[in-house]
């Protein structure tokens, strides 16, 4: 499902798909160390993951410590990330600073039409970052059932299959 290149995993991009009776969503968590430069590879790989998630046809919640100064409109990484999120029709929801030094480094992002409620940014206590929490709207009934047909490889006649392929 995800590229296993070293740079991808060093950045800490992880995905969980949650399916409940009230609906489903994909949770994408991202950690980009502050020591890591905002490379083209990071943005390319994040775009590739978002492209895969768009195909899942369910809400996507992206959260994490991207260590990008979103509060600074002149920050090149903030401009680039904002452009990437805009290209996917995504919106950043954090309303206030998330770092002890008053920066917004932690993000909570969804598609623009997916409204979160009760967004809360707790002041930093143990870490230099805040704890961010919110409520996710899960509408609708149970997830649709998916059916698939599986055939046993043992029952395949290899000669007939090879002839059909040729």
Protein backbone atom coordinates (compact mmCIF):
# COMPACT_ATOMS: atom_id res chain seq x y z
CA UNK A 1 0.00 0.00 0.00
CA UNK A 2 2.80 2.42 0.80
CA UNK A 3 6.26 2.93 -0.64
CA UNK A 4 8.90 1.53 1.69
CA UNK A 5 11.74 3.83 0.66
CA UNK A 6 13.96 4.84 3.60
CA UNK A 7 13.12 8.55 3.33
CA UNK A 8 9.40 7.74 3.50
CA UNK A 9 9.66 5.84 6.77
CA UNK A 10 12.24 8.21 8.28
CA UNK A 11 9.67 10.95 7.96
CA UNK A 12 7.11 8.87 9.87
CA UNK A 13 4.04 8.67 7.64
CA UNK A 14 1.52 6.08 8.87
CA UNK A 15 -2.04 5.28 7.81
CA UNK A 16 -4.91 3.59 9.63
CA UNK A 17 -8.33 2.99 8.09
CA UNK A 18 -11.06 3.00 10.74
CA UNK A 19 -14.40 1.39 9.89
CA UNK A 20 -17.29 1.62 12.34
CA UNK A 21 -21.06 1.24 12.07
CA UNK A 22 -21.40 5.04 11.75
CA UNK A 23 -18.88 5.30 8.89
CA UNK A 24 -15.25 5.03 7.94
CA UNK A 25 -12.27 7.34 7.67
CA UNK A 26 -8.55 7.10 7.07
CA UNK A 27 -6.21 8.55 9.68
CA UNK A 28 -2.89 9.67 8.25
CA UNK A 29 -0.30 10.62 10.85
CA UNK A 30 2.85 12.43 9.84
CA UNK A 31 5.97 13.25 11.81
CA UNK A 32 8.68 15.28 10.11
CA UNK A 33 11.68 15.92 12.37
CA UNK A 34 12.58 19.58 12.79
CA UNK A 35 16.13 18.65 11.79
CA UNK A 36 14.90 17.32 8.42
CA UNK A 37 14.87 19.83 5.59
CA UNK A 38 11.69 20.15 3.57
CA UNK A 39 12.87 18.17 0.57
CA UNK A 40 11.08 17.58 -2.72
CA UNK A 41 11.00 13.89 -1.78
CA UNK A 42 8.92 14.62 1.34
CA UNK A 43 6.33 16.58 -0.65
CA UNK A 44 6.31 14.05 -3.52
CA UNK A 45 5.77 11.14 -1.14
CA UNK A 46 3.10 12.98 0.84
CA UNK A 47 1.33 13.78 -2.45
CA UNK A 48 1.56 10.10 -3.49
CA UNK A 49 -0.05 9.00 -0.21
CA UNK A 50 -2.81 11.60 -0.55
CA UNK A 51 -3.46 10.41 -4.12
CA UNK A 52 -3.95 6.86 -2.81
CA UNK A 53 -6.24 8.04 -0.04
CA UNK A 54 -8.43 10.06 -2.40
CA UNK A 55 -9.24 6.79 -4.16
CA UNK A 56 -10.54 5.25 -0.92
CA UNK A 57 -13.73 7.36 -1.11
CA UNK A 58 -13.86 8.08 2.60
CA UNK A 59 -12.89 11.05 4.74
CA UNK A 60 -9.18 11.54 5.41
CA UNK A 61 -7.88 13.06 8.64
CA UNK A 62 -4.23 14.08 8.47
CA UNK A 63 -2.66 14.95 11.79
CA UNK A 64 0.78 15.23 13.18
CA UNK A 65 3.89 17.20 13.90
CA UNK A 66 5.10 18.37 10.52
CA UNK A 67 7.48 20.94 12.02
CA UNK A 68 6.47 23.38 9.32
CA UNK A 69 5.82 26.94 10.49
CA UNK A 70 2.27 27.27 9.16
CA UNK A 71 1.83 30.53 11.10
CA UNK A 72 4.56 32.19 8.98
CA UNK A 73 3.22 33.14 5.52
CA UNK A 74 6.80 33.73 4.34
CA UNK A 75 8.02 30.23 5.24
CA UNK A 76 8.78 28.37 1.99
CA UNK A 77 7.76 25.01 3.47
CA UNK A 78 4.45 26.46 4.71
CA UNK A 79 3.75 27.89 1.26
CA UNK A 80 4.60 24.58 -0.41
CA UNK A 81 2.53 22.50 2.02
CA UNK A 82 -0.42 24.89 1.74
CA UNK A 83 -0.25 24.59 -2.06
CA UNK A 84 -0.15 20.79 -1.83
CA UNK A 85 -3.12 20.69 0.54
CA UNK A 86 -5.05 23.15 -1.64
CA UNK A 87 -4.44 20.96 -4.69
CA UNK A 88 -6.27 18.12 -2.90
CA UNK A 89 -9.06 20.40 -1.65
CA UNK A 90 -7.85 20.03 1.94
CA UNK A 91 -8.12 22.44 4.86
CA UNK A 92 -5.94 22.95 7.97
CA UNK A 93 -8.14 23.28 11.07
CA UNK A 94 -5.77 24.22 13.92
CA UNK A 95 -6.91 27.67 15.10
CA UNK A 96 -4.02 28.54 17.40
CA UNK A 97 -0.31 27.94 18.10
CA UNK A 98 0.65 24.37 18.99
CA UNK A 99 4.22 24.95 20.15
CA UNK A 100 5.68 26.47 23.29
CA UNK A 101 7.33 29.18 21.16
CA UNK A 102 3.91 30.17 19.72
CA UNK A 103 4.26 28.50 16.33
CA UNK A 104 1.73 26.29 14.57
CA UNK A 105 3.81 23.19 13.81
CA UNK A 106 1.19 20.51 14.44
CA UNK A 107 -1.62 20.15 11.94
CA UNK A 108 -5.10 18.73 11.70
CA UNK A 109 -6.16 18.55 8.05
CA UNK A 110 -9.24 17.20 6.28
CA UNK A 111 -10.97 17.65 2.95
CA UNK A 112 -12.54 21.12 2.97
CA UNK A 113 -16.11 19.74 3.08
CA UNK A 114 -15.40 17.58 6.17
CA UNK A 115 -16.09 19.80 9.17
CA UNK A 116 -14.54 18.90 12.50
CA UNK A 117 -16.05 20.06 15.78
CA UNK A 118 -14.79 20.64 19.31
CA UNK A 119 -11.22 21.35 18.20
CA UNK A 120 -9.19 21.84 21.36
CA UNK A 121 -5.52 22.82 21.62
CA UNK A 122 -4.19 22.19 25.12
CA UNK A 123 -1.19 24.26 26.22
CA UNK A 124 2.14 22.40 26.19
CA UNK A 125 2.88 20.74 29.54
CA UNK A 126 5.30 17.81 29.31
CA UNK A 127 6.34 18.28 25.69
CA UNK A 128 7.03 21.54 23.89
CA UNK A 129 4.01 20.71 21.68
CA UNK A 130 0.31 20.94 22.49
CA UNK A 131 -2.18 18.11 22.61
CA UNK A 132 -4.78 18.58 19.88
CA UNK A 133 -8.16 16.88 20.05
CA UNK A 134 -11.38 17.09 18.04
CA UNK A 135 -14.64 15.32 17.26
CA UNK A 136 -15.02 13.58 13.92
CA UNK A 137 -18.41 13.59 12.23
CA UNK A 138 -19.26 10.06 11.18
CA UNK A 139 -22.50 10.05 9.25
CA UNK A 140 -24.36 7.31 7.51
CA UNK A 141 -25.10 3.72 8.17
CA UNK A 142 -22.87 0.73 8.19
CA UNK A 143 -20.02 0.48 5.71
CA UNK A 144 -21.08 -1.21 2.47
CA UNK A 145 -20.32 -4.90 2.22
CA UNK A 146 -17.66 -5.84 -0.26
CA UNK A 147 -17.82 -9.14 -2.07
CA UNK A 148 -15.07 -10.90 -3.92
CA UNK A 149 -14.74 -14.17 -5.76
CA UNK A 150 -11.76 -16.34 -4.92
CA UNK A 151 -10.77 -19.41 -6.88
CA UNK A 152 -8.47 -22.10 -5.66
CA UNK A 153 -5.18 -22.28 -7.57
CA UNK A 154 -5.30 -26.05 -7.15
CA UNK A 155 -8.32 -26.28 -9.41
CA UNK A 156 -6.64 -24.31 -12.23
CA UNK A 157 -5.64 -26.40 -15.23
CA UNK A 158 -2.22 -24.90 -16.07
CA UNK A 159 -2.25 -26.17 -19.66
CA UNK A 160 -5.65 -24.60 -20.40
CA UNK A 161 -4.57 -21.34 -18.71
CA UNK A 162 -1.31 -21.14 -20.72
CA UNK A 163 -3.22 -21.83 -23.93
CA UNK A 164 -5.79 -19.14 -23.10
CA UNK A 165 -3.06 -16.60 -22.40
CA UNK A 166 -1.18 -17.32 -25.61
